[in-house]
Amino acid sequence: MAVAAREGRGARHPVVARRGEQLVNPVAVLTWDTGEQVAVYGRTVFGRDPFGGPCATVVVRDETLSLSRTHFEIGGEHTEVWLADRWSRNGTVLVRDGVRTTLRPGERVALRPGDRLELGDRSATVSGPA
């Protein structure tokens, strides 16, 4: 399945969706430490040079190389969104209500608005649909 990533007209954040699918509200929006926002519409893999097979991919700029090429994945539906570390070198830390939890590679963890992700030298905050 081909994947399209483009800037939406008038959108506050990039649009990420599979080609041929109708765009709907994102399941989550990540706000990076740079202020950049990325909307997630379905299964999406993030990293410096991510490979995810038949899903969307988002390249994350990381000049210190603290992110893995394929670092983490977000997926799910509007009722339940999940996060999984993709066996990254420096790991993925979920911060919820001030509690830091290092994710086990490959294990899916429920994601909620307000969660903060620590990914090497980068971080992102999760919000709900835009």
Protein backbone atom coordinates (compact mmCIF):
# COMPACT_ATOMS: atom_id res chain seq x y z
CA MET A 1 0.00 0.00 0.00
CA ALA A 2 1.47 3.35 -1.01
CA VAL A 3 1.79 6.11 1.55
CA ALA A 4 1.43 9.84 1.00
CA ALA A 5 2.80 12.53 3.28
CA ARG A 6 2.06 16.13 2.43
CA GLU A 7 1.27 19.51 3.88
CA GLY A 8 -2.47 20.03 4.18
CA ARG A 9 -3.86 23.30 2.86
CA GLY A 10 -4.37 25.54 5.87
CA ALA A 11 -3.35 22.73 8.22
CA ARG A 12 -1.44 23.53 11.38
CA HIS A 13 0.53 20.30 11.07
CA PRO A 14 1.56 17.90 8.30
CA VAL A 15 -1.06 15.52 6.99
CA VAL A 16 -0.08 11.85 7.08
CA ALA A 17 -2.48 9.35 5.52
CA ARG A 18 -2.53 6.30 3.28
CA ARG A 19 -3.20 7.11 -0.35
CA GLY A 20 -6.84 6.62 -1.27
CA GLU A 21 -8.16 6.98 2.28
CA GLN A 22 -10.43 9.85 3.18
CA LEU A 23 -8.80 12.18 5.69
CA VAL A 24 -10.51 12.32 9.06
CA ASN A 25 -9.50 13.76 12.42
CA PRO A 26 -6.11 12.46 13.55
CA VAL A 27 -5.92 9.89 16.33
CA ALA A 28 -3.15 11.95 17.95
CA VAL A 29 -1.02 15.04 17.40
CA LEU A 30 2.63 15.19 18.51
CA THR A 31 4.13 18.57 19.36
CA TRP A 32 7.90 18.27 19.18
CA ASP A 33 10.39 20.19 21.33
CA THR A 34 10.91 22.49 18.32
CA GLY A 35 7.21 23.43 18.27
CA GLU A 36 6.58 21.45 15.08
CA GLN A 37 3.32 19.49 15.08
CA VAL A 38 2.71 16.16 13.39
CA ALA A 39 -0.76 14.65 13.07
CA VAL A 40 -1.09 10.87 13.18
CA TYR A 41 -4.03 9.32 11.30
CA GLY A 42 -3.18 5.64 11.74
CA ARG A 43 -0.19 3.33 12.15
CA THR A 44 2.89 5.54 11.74
CA VAL A 45 6.59 4.83 12.30
CA PHE A 46 8.98 7.60 13.39
CA GLY A 47 12.78 7.86 13.26
CA ARG A 48 15.78 9.40 11.51
CA ASP A 49 15.22 7.21 8.41
CA PRO A 50 12.22 5.04 9.33
CA PHE A 51 11.09 1.82 7.69
CA GLY A 52 7.68 0.55 8.61
CA GLY A 53 6.45 -1.57 5.74
CA PRO A 54 2.88 -0.78 4.65
CA CYS A 55 2.32 2.21 6.94
CA ALA A 56 3.07 5.92 7.12
CA THR A 57 6.56 7.06 8.08
CA VAL A 58 7.74 10.35 9.59
CA VAL A 59 11.36 11.46 9.45
CA VAL A 60 12.42 13.17 12.69
CA ARG A 61 15.38 15.52 12.44
CA ASP A 62 18.02 14.58 15.00
CA GLU A 63 21.44 16.15 14.55
CA THR A 64 22.90 14.33 17.59
CA LEU A 65 21.90 10.91 16.16
CA SER A 66 20.27 9.97 19.48
CA LEU A 67 17.19 8.64 17.64
CA SER A 68 17.35 5.31 15.87
CA ARG A 69 16.61 5.09 12.18
CA THR A 70 13.31 3.43 13.11
CA HIS A 71 12.69 4.52 16.71
CA PHE A 72 9.00 4.22 17.66
CA GLU A 73 5.53 3.60 16.32
CA ILE A 74 2.07 5.02 17.05
CA GLY A 75 -1.15 3.36 15.96
CA GLY A 76 -4.72 2.59 16.85
CA GLU A 77 -8.14 4.13 16.45
CA HIS A 78 -9.78 7.16 18.04
CA THR A 79 -10.97 5.04 20.97
CA GLU A 80 -7.54 3.60 21.76
CA VAL A 81 -4.17 4.94 20.62
CA TRP A 82 -0.95 3.05 21.39
CA LEU A 83 2.80 3.64 21.35
CA ALA A 84 5.55 1.05 20.91
CA ASP A 85 9.35 1.32 20.95
CA ARG A 86 10.79 -0.28 17.79
CA TRP A 87 13.92 -1.72 19.45
CA SER A 88 15.60 1.69 19.45
CA ARG A 89 19.15 2.08 20.71
CA ASN A 90 18.42 4.79 23.31
CA GLY A 91 14.91 3.64 24.19
CA THR A 92 11.57 5.40 24.50
CA VAL A 93 10.42 6.92 27.80
CA LEU A 94 6.77 7.75 28.47
CA VAL A 95 6.19 10.46 31.08
CA ARG A 96 2.65 10.48 32.48
CA ASP A 97 1.61 12.50 35.52
CA GLY A 98 5.30 13.02 36.37
CA VAL A 99 6.10 9.28 36.34
CA ARG A 100 8.78 8.16 33.84
CA THR A 101 8.34 4.69 32.33
CA THR A 102 10.88 3.16 29.97
CA LEU A 103 9.04 1.12 27.34
CA ARG A 104 9.96 -2.46 26.58
CA PRO A 105 10.78 -2.90 22.88
CA GLY A 106 7.79 -4.10 20.87
CA GLU A 107 5.29 -3.74 23.72
CA ARG A 108 2.28 -1.52 23.04
CA VAL A 109 1.32 1.01 25.70
CA ALA A 110 -1.86 3.12 25.69
CA LEU A 111 -1.21 6.75 24.81
CA ARG A 112 -3.19 9.65 26.30
CA PRO A 113 -3.35 13.40 25.70
CA GLY A 114 -0.80 15.11 27.93
CA ASP A 115 1.72 12.26 27.77
CA ARG A 116 5.30 13.29 27.05
CA LEU A 117 7.69 11.14 25.03
CA GLU A 118 11.45 11.26 25.65
CA LEU A 119 13.34 9.89 22.66
CA GLY A 120 17.10 10.25 22.91
CA ASP A 121 17.80 14.00 22.91
CA ARG A 122 14.32 14.79 21.52
CA SER A 123 10.91 15.00 23.15
CA ALA A 124 7.29 15.37 22.09
CA THR A 125 3.99 16.00 23.85
CA VAL A 126 0.83 14.15 22.84
CA SER A 127 -2.49 15.87 22.32
CA GLY A 128 -5.80 14.50 21.11
CA PRO A 129 -7.36 14.96 17.71
CA ALA A 130 -6.97 18.43 16.21
